[in-house]
C-alpha atoms as a PDB file:
ATOM      1  CA  UNK A   1       0.032  -0.014   0.029  1.00  0.00           C
ATOM      2  CA  UNK A   2       2.989   2.273   0.338  1.00  0.00           C
ATOM      3  CA  UNK A   3       2.950   3.173  -3.427  1.00  0.00           C
ATOM      4  CA  UNK A   4      -0.820   3.203  -3.792  1.00  0.00           C
ATOM      5  CA  UNK A   5      -2.396   6.325  -5.260  1.00  0.00           C
ATOM      6  CA  UNK A   6      -5.164   8.162  -3.465  1.00  0.00           C
ATOM      7  CA  UNK A   7      -8.258   8.812  -5.635  1.00  0.00           C
ATOM      8  CA  UNK A   8     -10.544  11.684  -4.803  1.00  0.00           C
ATOM      9  CA  UNK A   9     -13.850  11.908  -6.549  1.00  0.00           C
ATOM     10  CA  UNK A  10     -15.703  15.205  -6.917  1.00  0.00           C
ATOM     11  CA  UNK A  11     -18.864  16.110  -8.676  1.00  0.00           C
ATOM     12  CA  UNK A  12     -18.650  18.941 -11.266  1.00  0.00           C
ATOM     13  CA  UNK A  13     -19.886  21.593  -8.863  1.00  0.00           C
ATOM     14  CA  UNK A  14     -17.396  20.582  -6.175  1.00  0.00           C
ATOM     15  CA  UNK A  15     -14.589  20.476  -8.725  1.00  0.00           C
ATOM     16  CA  UNK A  16     -15.440  23.925 -10.090  1.00  0.00           C
ATOM     17  CA  UNK A  17     -15.681  25.567  -6.653  1.00  0.00           C
ATOM     18  CA  UNK A  18     -12.516  23.867  -5.444  1.00  0.00           C
ATOM     19  CA  UNK A  19     -10.638  24.825  -8.586  1.00  0.00           C
ATOM     20  CA  UNK A  20     -11.587  28.532  -8.171  1.00  0.00           C
ATOM     21  CA  UNK A  21     -10.583  28.477  -4.509  1.00  0.00           C
ATOM     22  CA  UNK A  22      -7.199  26.838  -5.284  1.00  0.00           C
ATOM     23  CA  UNK A  23      -6.535  29.412  -8.007  1.00  0.00           C
ATOM     24  CA  UNK A  24      -7.170  32.201  -5.507  1.00  0.00           C
ATOM     25  CA  UNK A  25      -5.000  30.444  -2.887  1.00  0.00           C
ATOM     26  CA  UNK A  26      -2.109  30.194  -5.320  1.00  0.00           C
ATOM     27  CA  UNK A  27      -2.407  33.914  -6.204  1.00  0.00           C
ATOM     28  CA  UNK A  28      -2.241  34.979  -2.509  1.00  0.00           C
ATOM     29  CA  UNK A  29       0.678  35.262  -0.201  1.00  0.00           C
ATOM     30  CA  UNK A  30       0.017  32.336   2.083  1.00  0.00           C
ATOM     31  CA  UNK A  31       3.283  32.078   3.853  1.00  0.00           C
ATOM     32  CA  UNK A  32       1.459  32.451   7.129  1.00  0.00           C
ATOM     33  CA  UNK A  33      -0.892  29.565   6.312  1.00  0.00           C
ATOM     34  CA  UNK A  34       1.346  27.283   4.264  1.00  0.00           C
ATOM     35  CA  UNK A  35       4.375  26.928   6.458  1.00  0.00           C
ATOM     36  CA  UNK A  36       5.839  23.931   4.632  1.00  0.00           C
ATOM     37  CA  UNK A  37       6.894  24.354   1.003  1.00  0.00           C
ATOM     38  CA  UNK A  38       6.208  20.633   0.403  1.00  0.00           C
ATOM     39  CA  UNK A  39       2.447  21.371   0.656  1.00  0.00           C
ATOM     40  CA  UNK A  40       2.651  23.387  -2.598  1.00  0.00           C
ATOM     41  CA  UNK A  41       3.423  20.306  -4.681  1.00  0.00           C
ATOM     42  CA  UNK A  42       0.125  18.587  -4.056  1.00  0.00           C
ATOM     43  CA  UNK A  43      -1.779  21.883  -4.216  1.00  0.00           C
ATOM     44  CA  UNK A  44      -0.355  22.645  -7.690  1.00  0.00           C
ATOM     45  CA  UNK A  45      -0.975  19.061  -8.831  1.00  0.00           C
ATOM     46  CA  UNK A  46      -4.562  19.118  -7.701  1.00  0.00           C
ATOM     47  CA  UNK A  47      -5.175  22.555  -9.245  1.00  0.00           C
ATOM     48  CA  UNK A  48      -3.634  21.440 -12.575  1.00  0.00           C
ATOM     49  CA  UNK A  49      -5.668  18.261 -12.665  1.00  0.00           C
ATOM     50  CA  UNK A  50      -8.899  20.267 -12.030  1.00  0.00           C
ATOM     51  CA  UNK A  51      -7.964  22.801 -14.660  1.00  0.00           C
ATOM     52  CA  UNK A  52      -7.549  20.062 -17.268  1.00  0.00           C
ATOM     53  CA  UNK A  53     -10.794  18.387 -16.242  1.00  0.00           C
ATOM     54  CA  UNK A  54     -12.971  21.480 -16.291  1.00  0.00           C
ATOM     55  CA  UNK A  55     -13.351  22.986 -19.703  1.00  0.00           C
ATOM     56  CA  UNK A  56     -16.067  25.305 -18.313  1.00  0.00           C
ATOM     57  CA  UNK A  57     -13.417  27.414 -16.511  1.00  0.00           C
ATOM     58  CA  UNK A  58     -12.667  28.962 -19.874  1.00  0.00           C
ATOM     59  CA  UNK A  59     -16.258  29.662 -20.795  1.00  0.00           C
ATOM     60  CA  UNK A  60     -17.579  33.181 -21.277  1.00  0.00           C
ATOM     61  CA  UNK A  61     -20.188  32.522 -18.612  1.00  0.00           C
ATOM     62  CA  UNK A  62     -17.722  31.077 -16.049  1.00  0.00           C
ATOM     63  CA  UNK A  63     -18.692  33.510 -13.346  1.00  0.00           C
ATOM     64  CA  UNK A  64     -22.346  32.569 -13.685  1.00  0.00           C
ATOM     65  CA  UNK A  65     -21.462  28.847 -13.726  1.00  0.00           C
ATOM     66  CA  UNK A  66     -19.330  29.241 -10.592  1.00  0.00           C
ATOM     67  CA  UNK A  67     -22.042  31.182  -8.715  1.00  0.00           C
ATOM     68  CA  UNK A  68     -24.605  28.520  -9.584  1.00  0.00           C
ATOM     69  CA  UNK A  69     -22.262  25.746  -8.444  1.00  0.00           C
ATOM     70  CA  UNK A  70     -21.667  27.599  -5.151  1.00  0.00           C
ATOM     71  CA  UNK A  71     -25.396  27.995  -4.610  1.00  0.00           C
ATOM     72  CA  UNK A  72     -25.987  24.220  -5.170  1.00  0.00           C
ATOM     73  CA  UNK A  73     -23.222  23.256  -2.704  1.00  0.00           C
ATOM     74  CA  UNK A  74     -24.298  25.475   0.151  1.00  0.00           C
ATOM     75  CA  UNK A  75     -26.468  23.760   2.682  1.00  0.00           C
ATOM     76  CA  UNK A  76     -30.044  24.940   2.939  1.00  0.00           C
ATOM     77  CA  UNK A  77     -30.428  27.449   5.751  1.00  0.00           C
ATOM     78  CA  UNK A  78     -31.932  24.925   8.163  1.00  0.00           C
ATOM     79  CA  UNK A  79     -29.464  22.189   7.212  1.00  0.00           C
ATOM     80  CA  UNK A  80     -26.385  24.006   8.581  1.00  0.00           C
ATOM     81  CA  UNK A  81     -27.897  24.291  12.038  1.00  0.00           C
ATOM     82  CA  UNK A  82     -28.937  20.659  11.970  1.00  0.00           C
ATOM     83  CA  UNK A  83     -25.459  19.519  10.813  1.00  0.00           C
ATOM     84  CA  UNK A  84     -23.787  21.429  13.565  1.00  0.00           C
ATOM     85  CA  UNK A  85     -26.167  20.088  16.221  1.00  0.00           C
ATOM     86  CA  UNK A  86     -25.614  16.471  15.174  1.00  0.00           C
ATOM     87  CA  UNK A  87     -21.852  16.809  14.975  1.00  0.00           C
ATOM     88  CA  UNK A  88     -21.343  17.848  18.580  1.00  0.00           C
END
């Protein structure tokens, strides 16, 4: 198992929202948050894989698509309170 790959599956909305966030992370000075340069290798690999898998990030209506994906991923207003209550 030492050389096994880890596979992460995301739906298209999750992939788009994560891709956007990773892009913003990479464009920000995160030396306070990312205190180990080794962390950047998997961040860049993940971001690159998402970019190649998401042709929609180059679409003219990308902003609209991203907003829609974010809305679909956010819990309903009552769900967030319920999730927090059950996780305690």
